[in-house]
N, C-alpha and C. Protein backbone atom coordinates (compact mmCIF):
# COMPACT_ATOMS: atom_id res chain seq x y z
N MET A 1 -96.04 55.84 134.49
CA MET A 1 -96.30 57.21 134.91
C MET A 1 -95.49 58.20 134.10
N ASP A 2 -94.37 57.75 133.50
CA ASP A 2 -93.58 58.66 132.67
C ASP A 2 -94.39 59.18 131.50
N LEU A 3 -95.28 58.34 130.99
CA LEU A 3 -96.12 58.75 129.86
C LEU A 3 -96.95 59.97 130.23
N LEU A 4 -97.52 59.96 131.42
CA LEU A 4 -98.36 61.08 131.85
C LEU A 4 -97.54 62.30 132.25
N SER A 5 -96.44 62.07 132.97
CA SER A 5 -95.65 63.21 133.44
C SER A 5 -94.89 63.89 132.31
N ASN A 6 -94.59 63.16 131.25
CA ASN A 6 -93.86 63.76 130.13
C ASN A 6 -94.77 64.36 129.06
N ALA A 7 -96.07 64.41 129.32
CA ALA A 7 -97.01 64.99 128.35
C ALA A 7 -97.17 66.48 128.53
N GLY A 8 -96.53 67.03 129.53
CA GLY A 8 -96.56 68.48 129.74
C GLY A 8 -97.97 69.00 130.01
N ILE A 9 -98.19 70.20 129.57
CA ILE A 9 -99.48 70.87 129.81
C ILE A 9 -100.61 70.21 129.03
N PHE A 10 -100.26 69.43 128.02
CA PHE A 10 -101.27 68.78 127.18
C PHE A 10 -102.02 67.67 127.91
N ILE A 11 -101.51 67.27 129.06
CA ILE A 11 -102.18 66.22 129.83
C ILE A 11 -103.56 66.68 130.28
N TYR A 12 -103.75 67.96 130.54
CA TYR A 12 -105.03 68.45 131.04
C TYR A 12 -106.14 68.37 129.98
N PRO A 13 -105.96 68.92 128.79
CA PRO A 13 -107.03 68.75 127.80
C PRO A 13 -107.21 67.30 127.36
N LEU A 14 -106.12 66.55 127.32
CA LEU A 14 -106.24 65.13 126.97
C LEU A 14 -107.00 64.36 128.05
N ALA A 15 -106.75 64.69 129.30
CA ALA A 15 -107.49 64.05 130.40
C ALA A 15 -108.97 64.43 130.34
N ALA A 16 -109.26 65.69 129.99
CA ALA A 16 -110.65 66.12 129.86
C ALA A 16 -111.34 65.34 128.72
N CYS A 17 -110.64 65.15 127.62
CA CYS A 17 -111.19 64.36 126.50
C CYS A 17 -111.45 62.93 126.94
N SER A 18 -110.50 62.37 127.67
CA SER A 18 -110.64 60.99 128.14
C SER A 18 -111.83 60.85 129.08
N PHE A 19 -111.94 61.76 130.03
CA PHE A 19 -113.05 61.73 130.99
C PHE A 19 -114.38 61.87 130.26
N LEU A 20 -114.46 62.80 129.32
CA LEU A 20 -115.69 63.03 128.57
C LEU A 20 -116.09 61.78 127.78
N ALA A 21 -115.13 61.16 127.14
CA ALA A 21 -115.41 59.95 126.34
C ALA A 21 -115.92 58.82 127.23
N VAL A 22 -115.28 58.62 128.36
CA VAL A 22 -115.70 57.55 129.27
C VAL A 22 -117.10 57.85 129.83
N PHE A 23 -117.32 59.08 130.24
CA PHE A 23 -118.61 59.46 130.82
C PHE A 23 -119.74 59.27 129.81
N ILE A 24 -119.57 59.81 128.61
CA ILE A 24 -120.62 59.70 127.59
C ILE A 24 -120.88 58.24 127.24
N THR A 25 -119.82 57.47 127.08
CA THR A 25 -119.98 56.06 126.73
C THR A 25 -120.76 55.31 127.79
N ILE A 26 -120.39 55.46 129.04
CA ILE A 26 -121.08 54.75 130.13
C ILE A 26 -122.53 55.24 130.26
N GLU A 27 -122.73 56.54 130.20
CA GLU A 27 -124.08 57.09 130.33
C GLU A 27 -124.99 56.59 129.21
N ARG A 28 -124.50 56.57 127.98
CA ARG A 28 -125.31 56.10 126.84
C ARG A 28 -125.53 54.59 126.90
N LEU A 29 -124.55 53.83 127.37
CA LEU A 29 -124.76 52.38 127.52
C LEU A 29 -125.86 52.09 128.52
N ILE A 30 -125.90 52.85 129.59
CA ILE A 30 -126.96 52.68 130.59
C ILE A 30 -128.30 53.13 130.01
N ALA A 31 -128.32 54.26 129.33
CA ALA A 31 -129.57 54.81 128.78
C ALA A 31 -130.13 53.98 127.63
N LEU A 32 -129.28 53.26 126.92
CA LEU A 32 -129.73 52.51 125.75
C LEU A 32 -129.95 51.02 126.05
N ARG A 33 -130.13 50.68 127.31
CA ARG A 33 -130.49 49.30 127.63
C ARG A 33 -131.88 49.01 127.09
N ASN A 34 -132.15 47.75 126.79
CA ASN A 34 -133.47 47.37 126.28
C ASN A 34 -134.58 47.78 127.23
N SER A 35 -134.37 47.63 128.51
CA SER A 35 -135.40 47.96 129.48
C SER A 35 -135.72 49.45 129.51
N ARG A 36 -134.80 50.28 129.08
CA ARG A 36 -135.01 51.74 129.07
C ARG A 36 -135.52 52.24 127.72
N VAL A 37 -135.44 51.39 126.71
CA VAL A 37 -135.87 51.82 125.38
C VAL A 37 -137.13 51.08 124.95
N ILE A 38 -137.06 49.77 124.87
CA ILE A 38 -138.20 48.98 124.42
C ILE A 38 -138.24 47.67 125.22
N PRO A 39 -138.91 47.70 126.37
CA PRO A 39 -138.97 46.51 127.23
C PRO A 39 -139.65 45.33 126.53
N LYS A 40 -139.36 44.16 127.04
CA LYS A 40 -139.85 42.92 126.41
C LYS A 40 -141.37 42.89 126.31
N HIS A 41 -142.08 43.35 127.33
CA HIS A 41 -143.54 43.30 127.27
C HIS A 41 -144.10 44.15 126.13
N LEU A 42 -143.41 45.24 125.79
CA LEU A 42 -143.85 46.06 124.67
C LEU A 42 -143.50 45.41 123.33
N VAL A 43 -142.37 44.74 123.27
CA VAL A 43 -142.01 44.01 122.05
C VAL A 43 -143.07 42.96 121.76
N ASP A 44 -143.45 42.21 122.79
CA ASP A 44 -144.48 41.18 122.63
C ASP A 44 -145.81 41.79 122.19
N ALA A 45 -146.17 42.92 122.79
CA ALA A 45 -147.43 43.58 122.44
C ALA A 45 -147.40 44.07 120.99
N PHE A 46 -146.26 44.59 120.56
CA PHE A 46 -146.14 45.05 119.17
C PHE A 46 -146.25 43.88 118.20
N VAL A 47 -145.62 42.77 118.54
CA VAL A 47 -145.65 41.59 117.67
C VAL A 47 -147.08 41.05 117.57
N LEU A 48 -147.78 41.03 118.69
CA LEU A 48 -149.16 40.53 118.69
C LEU A 48 -150.17 41.56 118.17
N GLY A 49 -149.75 42.82 118.10
CA GLY A 49 -150.66 43.87 117.65
C GLY A 49 -151.73 44.19 118.68
N ASP A 50 -151.43 43.98 119.94
CA ASP A 50 -152.39 44.20 121.01
C ASP A 50 -151.78 45.09 122.07
N LEU A 51 -152.18 46.33 122.07
CA LEU A 51 -151.64 47.29 123.05
C LEU A 51 -152.64 47.58 124.18
N LYS A 52 -153.79 46.95 124.15
CA LYS A 52 -154.83 47.25 125.15
C LYS A 52 -154.40 46.88 126.56
N GLN A 53 -153.70 45.76 126.68
CA GLN A 53 -153.35 45.27 128.00
C GLN A 53 -152.03 45.85 128.52
N VAL A 54 -151.34 46.59 127.68
CA VAL A 54 -150.01 47.09 128.04
C VAL A 54 -150.13 48.40 128.80
N GLU A 55 -149.41 48.47 129.90
CA GLU A 55 -149.33 49.72 130.64
C GLU A 55 -148.24 50.58 130.03
N ALA A 56 -148.56 51.80 129.72
CA ALA A 56 -147.57 52.70 129.14
C ALA A 56 -146.75 53.31 130.27
N ASP A 57 -145.48 52.93 130.33
CA ASP A 57 -144.60 53.50 131.35
C ASP A 57 -143.82 54.65 130.74
N LEU A 58 -143.65 55.68 131.51
CA LEU A 58 -142.92 56.85 131.03
C LEU A 58 -141.42 56.71 131.24
N ASP A 59 -140.98 55.55 131.72
CA ASP A 59 -139.57 55.32 131.96
C ASP A 59 -138.84 54.78 130.74
N SER A 60 -139.58 54.38 129.71
CA SER A 60 -138.93 53.86 128.51
C SER A 60 -139.35 54.69 127.30
N VAL A 61 -138.53 54.66 126.29
CA VAL A 61 -138.80 55.42 125.07
C VAL A 61 -140.10 54.93 124.43
N SER A 62 -140.21 53.63 124.24
CA SER A 62 -141.42 53.10 123.61
C SER A 62 -142.64 53.29 124.51
N GLY A 63 -142.45 53.28 125.81
CA GLY A 63 -143.56 53.54 126.73
C GLY A 63 -144.09 54.96 126.58
N ARG A 64 -143.18 55.92 126.38
CA ARG A 64 -143.60 57.30 126.16
C ARG A 64 -144.36 57.43 124.83
N ILE A 65 -143.92 56.66 123.83
CA ILE A 65 -144.60 56.70 122.53
C ILE A 65 -146.00 56.11 122.66
N VAL A 66 -146.13 54.99 123.37
CA VAL A 66 -147.45 54.38 123.59
C VAL A 66 -148.34 55.34 124.37
N SER A 67 -147.78 55.99 125.38
CA SER A 67 -148.55 56.95 126.16
C SER A 67 -149.03 58.11 125.28
N PHE A 68 -148.17 58.61 124.43
CA PHE A 68 -148.54 59.68 123.49
C PHE A 68 -149.66 59.20 122.57
N TYR A 69 -149.56 57.98 122.10
CA TYR A 69 -150.56 57.40 121.21
C TYR A 69 -151.92 57.30 121.91
N ARG A 70 -151.90 56.85 123.15
CA ARG A 70 -153.17 56.67 123.88
C ARG A 70 -153.80 58.01 124.27
N GLU A 71 -152.99 58.94 124.73
CA GLU A 71 -153.53 60.21 125.22
C GLU A 71 -154.01 61.13 124.10
N ARG A 72 -153.26 61.17 123.02
CA ARG A 72 -153.54 62.16 121.97
C ARG A 72 -154.31 61.61 120.78
N LYS A 73 -154.29 60.29 120.59
CA LYS A 73 -154.88 59.67 119.40
C LYS A 73 -154.40 60.39 118.13
N PRO A 74 -153.07 60.47 117.95
CA PRO A 74 -152.53 61.27 116.85
C PRO A 74 -152.71 60.59 115.50
N ASP A 75 -152.60 61.41 114.44
CA ASP A 75 -152.58 60.83 113.10
C ASP A 75 -151.20 60.19 112.89
N PRO A 76 -151.04 59.35 111.87
CA PRO A 76 -149.76 58.65 111.67
C PRO A 76 -148.55 59.57 111.55
N ASP A 77 -148.72 60.73 110.92
CA ASP A 77 -147.59 61.65 110.78
C ASP A 77 -147.15 62.21 112.13
N ALA A 78 -148.10 62.56 112.96
CA ALA A 78 -147.77 63.08 114.29
C ALA A 78 -147.11 62.00 115.15
N LEU A 79 -147.59 60.77 115.03
CA LEU A 79 -147.00 59.67 115.79
C LEU A 79 -145.57 59.42 115.33
N ASN A 80 -145.34 59.43 114.02
CA ASN A 80 -143.98 59.26 113.49
C ASN A 80 -143.06 60.40 113.92
N ALA A 81 -143.59 61.62 113.94
CA ALA A 81 -142.79 62.77 114.37
C ALA A 81 -142.40 62.64 115.84
N PHE A 82 -143.34 62.20 116.67
CA PHE A 82 -143.02 62.03 118.09
C PHE A 82 -142.00 60.92 118.27
N ALA A 83 -142.14 59.84 117.51
CA ALA A 83 -141.17 58.74 117.59
C ALA A 83 -139.78 59.21 117.16
N ARG A 84 -139.70 60.02 116.11
CA ARG A 84 -138.40 60.57 115.68
C ARG A 84 -137.79 61.45 116.76
N LEU A 85 -138.63 62.20 117.44
CA LEU A 85 -138.15 63.04 118.56
C LEU A 85 -137.56 62.17 119.66
N GLU A 86 -138.24 61.10 119.99
CA GLU A 86 -137.73 60.18 121.02
C GLU A 86 -136.43 59.51 120.57
N VAL A 87 -136.34 59.13 119.31
CA VAL A 87 -135.10 58.52 118.80
C VAL A 87 -133.97 59.54 118.84
N SER A 88 -134.26 60.79 118.50
CA SER A 88 -133.19 61.80 118.55
C SER A 88 -132.72 62.02 120.00
N ARG A 89 -133.60 61.85 120.95
CA ARG A 89 -133.19 61.95 122.36
C ARG A 89 -132.26 60.81 122.74
N MET A 90 -132.42 59.65 122.08
CA MET A 90 -131.53 58.51 122.36
C MET A 90 -130.11 58.81 121.90
N GLU A 91 -129.95 59.72 120.94
CA GLU A 91 -128.63 60.07 120.42
C GLU A 91 -127.94 61.17 121.24
N ARG A 92 -128.60 61.63 122.27
CA ARG A 92 -128.09 62.74 123.08
C ARG A 92 -126.66 62.47 123.57
N GLY A 93 -125.79 63.41 123.33
CA GLY A 93 -124.42 63.32 123.83
C GLY A 93 -123.45 62.57 122.95
N ILE A 94 -123.96 61.79 122.00
CA ILE A 94 -123.07 60.99 121.16
C ILE A 94 -122.18 61.89 120.30
N PHE A 95 -122.68 63.07 119.93
CA PHE A 95 -121.86 63.99 119.13
C PHE A 95 -120.60 64.41 119.88
N LEU A 96 -120.64 64.38 121.21
CA LEU A 96 -119.45 64.74 121.99
C LEU A 96 -118.33 63.72 121.78
N LEU A 97 -118.69 62.48 121.50
CA LEU A 97 -117.66 61.49 121.18
C LEU A 97 -116.98 61.86 119.86
N GLU A 98 -117.75 62.41 118.92
CA GLU A 98 -117.15 62.87 117.67
C GLU A 98 -116.14 63.99 117.94
N VAL A 99 -116.48 64.86 118.86
CA VAL A 99 -115.56 65.95 119.23
C VAL A 99 -114.27 65.37 119.81
N VAL A 100 -114.40 64.40 120.69
CA VAL A 100 -113.22 63.76 121.29
C VAL A 100 -112.40 63.05 120.22
N ILE A 101 -113.08 62.35 119.30
CA ILE A 101 -112.38 61.63 118.24
C ILE A 101 -111.55 62.58 117.39
N GLY A 102 -112.04 63.78 117.19
CA GLY A 102 -111.28 64.77 116.42
C GLY A 102 -110.26 65.53 117.25
N ALA A 103 -110.63 65.87 118.48
CA ALA A 103 -109.77 66.73 119.29
C ALA A 103 -108.57 66.00 119.88
N ALA A 104 -108.74 64.77 120.34
CA ALA A 104 -107.64 64.07 121.02
C ALA A 104 -106.41 63.89 120.11
N PRO A 105 -106.57 63.40 118.88
CA PRO A 105 -105.37 63.29 118.04
C PRO A 105 -104.78 64.65 117.67
N LEU A 106 -105.64 65.65 117.52
CA LEU A 106 -105.12 66.99 117.21
C LEU A 106 -104.34 67.56 118.39
N LEU A 107 -104.81 67.31 119.60
CA LEU A 107 -104.04 67.73 120.78
C LEU A 107 -102.71 66.98 120.83
N GLY A 108 -102.74 65.69 120.48
CA GLY A 108 -101.50 64.92 120.41
C GLY A 108 -100.55 65.48 119.36
N LEU A 109 -101.10 65.87 118.23
CA LEU A 109 -100.28 66.47 117.17
C LEU A 109 -99.72 67.81 117.62
N LEU A 110 -100.52 68.59 118.30
CA LEU A 110 -100.03 69.87 118.82
C LEU A 110 -98.89 69.64 119.81
N GLY A 111 -99.03 68.63 120.64
CA GLY A 111 -97.95 68.28 121.57
C GLY A 111 -96.70 67.83 120.82
N THR A 112 -96.89 67.10 119.73
CA THR A 112 -95.76 66.65 118.92
C THR A 112 -95.01 67.84 118.34
N VAL A 113 -95.77 68.76 117.75
CA VAL A 113 -95.15 69.95 117.16
C VAL A 113 -94.45 70.79 118.23
N THR A 114 -95.08 70.92 119.37
CA THR A 114 -94.47 71.68 120.46
C THR A 114 -93.18 71.01 120.93
N GLY A 115 -93.21 69.69 121.07
CA GLY A 115 -92.01 68.96 121.48
C GLY A 115 -90.89 69.08 120.46
N LEU A 116 -91.23 69.00 119.19
CA LEU A 116 -90.19 69.14 118.15
C LEU A 116 -89.64 70.57 118.11
N THR A 117 -90.50 71.52 118.39
CA THR A 117 -90.03 72.91 118.47
C THR A 117 -89.02 73.06 119.60
N GLN A 118 -89.27 72.41 120.72
CA GLN A 118 -88.32 72.44 121.84
C GLN A 118 -87.01 71.77 121.45
N VAL A 119 -87.11 70.68 120.68
CA VAL A 119 -85.89 69.97 120.27
C VAL A 119 -85.05 70.87 119.37
N PHE A 120 -85.68 71.43 118.36
CA PHE A 120 -84.91 72.23 117.40
C PHE A 120 -84.56 73.61 117.94
N GLY A 121 -85.30 74.07 118.94
CA GLY A 121 -84.97 75.34 119.57
C GLY A 121 -83.86 75.21 120.60
N GLY A 122 -83.49 73.99 120.93
CA GLY A 122 -82.49 73.74 121.96
C GLY A 122 -81.08 73.61 121.41
N PHE A 123 -80.87 73.87 120.15
CA PHE A 123 -79.52 73.78 119.59
C PHE A 123 -78.71 74.98 120.04
N SER A 124 -77.49 74.70 120.40
CA SER A 124 -76.57 75.76 120.84
C SER A 124 -76.01 76.48 119.62
N ALA A 125 -75.96 77.78 119.68
CA ALA A 125 -75.42 78.56 118.57
C ALA A 125 -73.90 78.38 118.47
N ASP A 126 -73.26 78.09 119.60
CA ASP A 126 -71.80 77.96 119.61
C ASP A 126 -71.35 76.62 119.03
N THR A 127 -71.92 75.55 119.54
CA THR A 127 -71.44 74.22 119.14
C THR A 127 -72.28 73.59 118.03
N GLY A 128 -73.51 74.05 117.85
CA GLY A 128 -74.38 73.44 116.86
C GLY A 128 -74.99 72.14 117.32
N LEU A 129 -74.76 71.79 118.59
CA LEU A 129 -75.30 70.56 119.15
C LEU A 129 -76.50 70.89 120.05
N PRO A 130 -77.44 69.95 120.14
CA PRO A 130 -78.60 70.22 121.00
C PRO A 130 -78.25 70.07 122.47
N ASP A 131 -78.95 70.81 123.28
CA ASP A 131 -78.84 70.64 124.73
C ASP A 131 -79.49 69.29 125.05
N PRO A 132 -78.77 68.36 125.66
CA PRO A 132 -79.31 67.01 125.89
C PRO A 132 -80.61 67.01 126.69
N ALA A 133 -80.72 67.86 127.70
CA ALA A 133 -81.93 67.88 128.53
C ALA A 133 -83.13 68.38 127.72
N ALA A 134 -82.95 69.45 126.95
CA ALA A 134 -84.04 69.97 126.12
C ALA A 134 -84.41 68.98 125.03
N PHE A 135 -83.40 68.29 124.48
CA PHE A 135 -83.64 67.30 123.43
C PHE A 135 -84.51 66.16 123.96
N ILE A 136 -84.15 65.62 125.11
CA ILE A 136 -84.89 64.50 125.70
C ILE A 136 -86.30 64.94 126.09
N LYS A 137 -86.41 66.10 126.70
CA LYS A 137 -87.72 66.61 127.11
C LYS A 137 -88.62 66.85 125.90
N GLY A 138 -88.08 67.41 124.84
CA GLY A 138 -88.86 67.68 123.63
C GLY A 138 -89.32 66.41 122.94
N ILE A 139 -88.43 65.43 122.82
CA ILE A 139 -88.81 64.16 122.19
C ILE A 139 -89.85 63.43 123.05
N ALA A 140 -89.68 63.45 124.37
CA ALA A 140 -90.64 62.81 125.26
C ALA A 140 -92.02 63.45 125.12
N LEU A 141 -92.06 64.78 125.05
CA LEU A 141 -93.33 65.48 124.89
C LEU A 141 -93.97 65.11 123.56
N ALA A 142 -93.17 65.10 122.50
CA ALA A 142 -93.69 64.79 121.18
C ALA A 142 -94.29 63.40 121.12
N LEU A 143 -93.58 62.43 121.62
CA LEU A 143 -94.05 61.04 121.54
C LEU A 143 -95.20 60.75 122.50
N ASN A 144 -95.11 61.25 123.72
CA ASN A 144 -96.13 60.95 124.71
C ASN A 144 -97.48 61.58 124.37
N THR A 145 -97.48 62.80 123.87
CA THR A 145 -98.76 63.42 123.52
C THR A 145 -99.40 62.71 122.33
N THR A 146 -98.58 62.26 121.40
CA THR A 146 -99.12 61.50 120.26
C THR A 146 -99.74 60.19 120.74
N ILE A 147 -99.03 59.49 121.60
CA ILE A 147 -99.55 58.22 122.13
C ILE A 147 -100.86 58.45 122.88
N LEU A 148 -100.89 59.44 123.74
CA LEU A 148 -102.10 59.70 124.52
C LEU A 148 -103.27 60.11 123.64
N GLY A 149 -103.01 60.98 122.68
CA GLY A 149 -104.08 61.42 121.77
C GLY A 149 -104.71 60.25 121.03
N LEU A 150 -103.87 59.38 120.51
CA LEU A 150 -104.38 58.21 119.79
C LEU A 150 -105.02 57.19 120.73
N ALA A 151 -104.46 57.05 121.91
CA ALA A 151 -105.01 56.10 122.88
C ALA A 151 -106.40 56.53 123.36
N ILE A 152 -106.68 57.80 123.29
CA ILE A 152 -108.01 58.30 123.66
C ILE A 152 -108.96 58.21 122.46
N ALA A 153 -108.47 58.58 121.29
CA ALA A 153 -109.32 58.64 120.10
C ALA A 153 -109.78 57.27 119.61
N ILE A 154 -108.91 56.28 119.65
CA ILE A 154 -109.26 54.97 119.08
C ILE A 154 -110.40 54.30 119.85
N PRO A 155 -110.34 54.19 121.18
CA PRO A 155 -111.50 53.61 121.89
C PRO A 155 -112.76 54.47 121.75
N SER A 156 -112.58 55.79 121.67
CA SER A 156 -113.73 56.68 121.50
C SER A 156 -114.40 56.42 120.15
N LEU A 157 -113.59 56.17 119.14
CA LEU A 157 -114.13 55.85 117.81
C LEU A 157 -114.92 54.55 117.85
N ALA A 158 -114.39 53.56 118.53
CA ALA A 158 -115.09 52.28 118.66
C ALA A 158 -116.40 52.45 119.44
N ALA A 159 -116.36 53.20 120.52
CA ALA A 159 -117.58 53.44 121.31
C ALA A 159 -118.61 54.20 120.49
N HIS A 160 -118.17 55.19 119.76
CA HIS A 160 -119.06 55.99 118.92
C HIS A 160 -119.76 55.10 117.89
N ALA A 161 -118.99 54.26 117.21
CA ALA A 161 -119.57 53.38 116.20
C ALA A 161 -120.57 52.41 116.83
N TYR A 162 -120.21 51.85 117.98
CA TYR A 162 -121.12 50.91 118.65
C TYR A 162 -122.41 51.61 119.07
N LEU A 163 -122.29 52.78 119.68
CA LEU A 163 -123.48 53.48 120.16
C LEU A 163 -124.39 53.90 119.01
N LEU A 164 -123.81 54.37 117.91
CA LEU A 164 -124.64 54.73 116.76
C LEU A 164 -125.37 53.50 116.21
N ARG A 165 -124.67 52.39 116.14
CA ARG A 165 -125.30 51.16 115.65
C ARG A 165 -126.41 50.71 116.62
N ARG A 166 -126.18 50.87 117.88
CA ARG A 166 -127.18 50.50 118.89
C ARG A 166 -128.42 51.37 118.73
N VAL A 167 -128.24 52.67 118.54
CA VAL A 167 -129.38 53.57 118.35
C VAL A 167 -130.15 53.19 117.08
N GLU A 168 -129.43 52.89 116.00
CA GLU A 168 -130.09 52.49 114.76
C GLU A 168 -130.91 51.22 114.95
N SER A 169 -130.36 50.26 115.65
CA SER A 169 -131.06 49.00 115.89
C SER A 169 -132.31 49.22 116.73
N LEU A 170 -132.19 50.01 117.77
CA LEU A 170 -133.34 50.29 118.63
C LEU A 170 -134.38 51.13 117.89
N ALA A 171 -133.92 52.05 117.07
CA ALA A 171 -134.84 52.87 116.27
C ALA A 171 -135.64 52.01 115.31
N ALA A 172 -135.02 50.98 114.75
CA ALA A 172 -135.74 50.06 113.86
C ALA A 172 -136.83 49.31 114.63
N ARG A 173 -136.53 48.90 115.83
CA ARG A 173 -137.54 48.22 116.66
C ARG A 173 -138.69 49.16 117.00
N ILE A 174 -138.34 50.39 117.34
CA ILE A 174 -139.37 51.38 117.65
C ILE A 174 -140.22 51.65 116.42
N SER A 175 -139.61 51.68 115.27
CA SER A 175 -140.33 51.91 114.02
C SER A 175 -141.38 50.82 113.78
N VAL A 176 -141.03 49.59 114.10
CA VAL A 176 -142.00 48.48 113.99
C VAL A 176 -143.17 48.73 114.93
N GLY A 177 -142.89 49.17 116.13
CA GLY A 177 -143.95 49.46 117.09
C GLY A 177 -144.84 50.60 116.64
N VAL A 178 -144.23 51.64 116.08
CA VAL A 178 -145.01 52.78 115.57
C VAL A 178 -145.89 52.33 114.41
N GLU A 179 -145.36 51.48 113.57
CA GLU A 179 -146.15 50.94 112.45
C GLU A 179 -147.33 50.13 112.98
N CYS A 180 -147.10 49.36 114.03
CA CYS A 180 -148.18 48.59 114.65
C CYS A 180 -149.26 49.53 115.17
N MET A 181 -148.87 50.61 115.85
CA MET A 181 -149.85 51.56 116.37
C MET A 181 -150.58 52.27 115.23
N THR A 182 -149.88 52.54 114.15
CA THR A 182 -150.52 53.17 112.99
C THR A 182 -151.58 52.25 112.39
N GLU A 183 -151.24 50.98 112.29
CA GLU A 183 -152.21 50.01 111.77
C GLU A 183 -153.41 49.88 112.70
N LEU A 184 -153.15 49.89 114.00
CA LEU A 184 -154.27 49.81 114.96
C LEU A 184 -155.19 51.02 114.84
N SER A 185 -154.62 52.18 114.59
CA SER A 185 -155.44 53.38 114.49
C SER A 185 -156.26 53.40 113.20
N ARG A 186 -155.83 52.66 112.19
CA ARG A 186 -156.54 52.60 110.91
C ARG A 186 -157.69 51.61 110.94
N LYS A 187 -157.63 50.64 111.84
CA LYS A 187 -158.69 49.62 111.92
C LYS A 187 -159.96 50.26 112.43
N PRO A 188 -161.09 49.87 111.84
CA PRO A 188 -162.36 50.41 112.35
C PRO A 188 -162.65 49.90 113.76
N LYS A 189 -163.18 50.77 114.57
CA LYS A 189 -163.51 50.41 115.95
C LYS A 189 -164.72 49.49 115.96
N ALA A 190 -164.62 48.40 116.70
CA ALA A 190 -165.73 47.45 116.75
C ALA A 190 -166.66 47.73 117.89
C-alpha cells in the first residue's frame, strides 16, 4: 500500500489509465471472440462455398456481412467496403490503449520530476542539508510514480499488440469469406 499512498496526486490519473486499459482490454476480448466475429458455421460455409443454407445472424461481424450481401446484392467493391467498415468496428477502442501506453509512463515521469523537485527544494539555506522528511517524501514520489507508470504501460502494450494481432487474424478470415461471396456473385445463375 505504500506504493499507492506515496504516489501523491498522480495516483488519480494513473488509476484512470489503469482502469481504462483493463476495461478496453476485457471489452475487446469479449467482442473479438470467434462466436461474435466469424462463427464456425460461417467458416464451414465459406470453405464449402455454399451460403444458401446459412442463416445470416446480425450478432456477428461475418453474419452482418452475409446479411448485407443477401439483401443488397452488392458489387464486389461495395461488399469489400462494407467488410472494411465491419473490420474497422472491430478495432473500436483499441486506440485508447495507445493513449494509455503513452500517457502512463509520462505521468510517471512527471511524478519523478515533481518528486525530485521536492527533494532539491527541501535543502536548508542555513545548513545546506536536505530536510529528511521532504527528502524521503520526494524520493518516494519519484520512484513510486515511475513504477506505477511503467506497471500500467507494459501490460497495456502487451494487450494492445495482442488485440491488434487478433483483429488482423480475424480480418484475414473475413476477407476469405468476402472473396467467397464475390466468387458466388460472379457465377452465372442456374
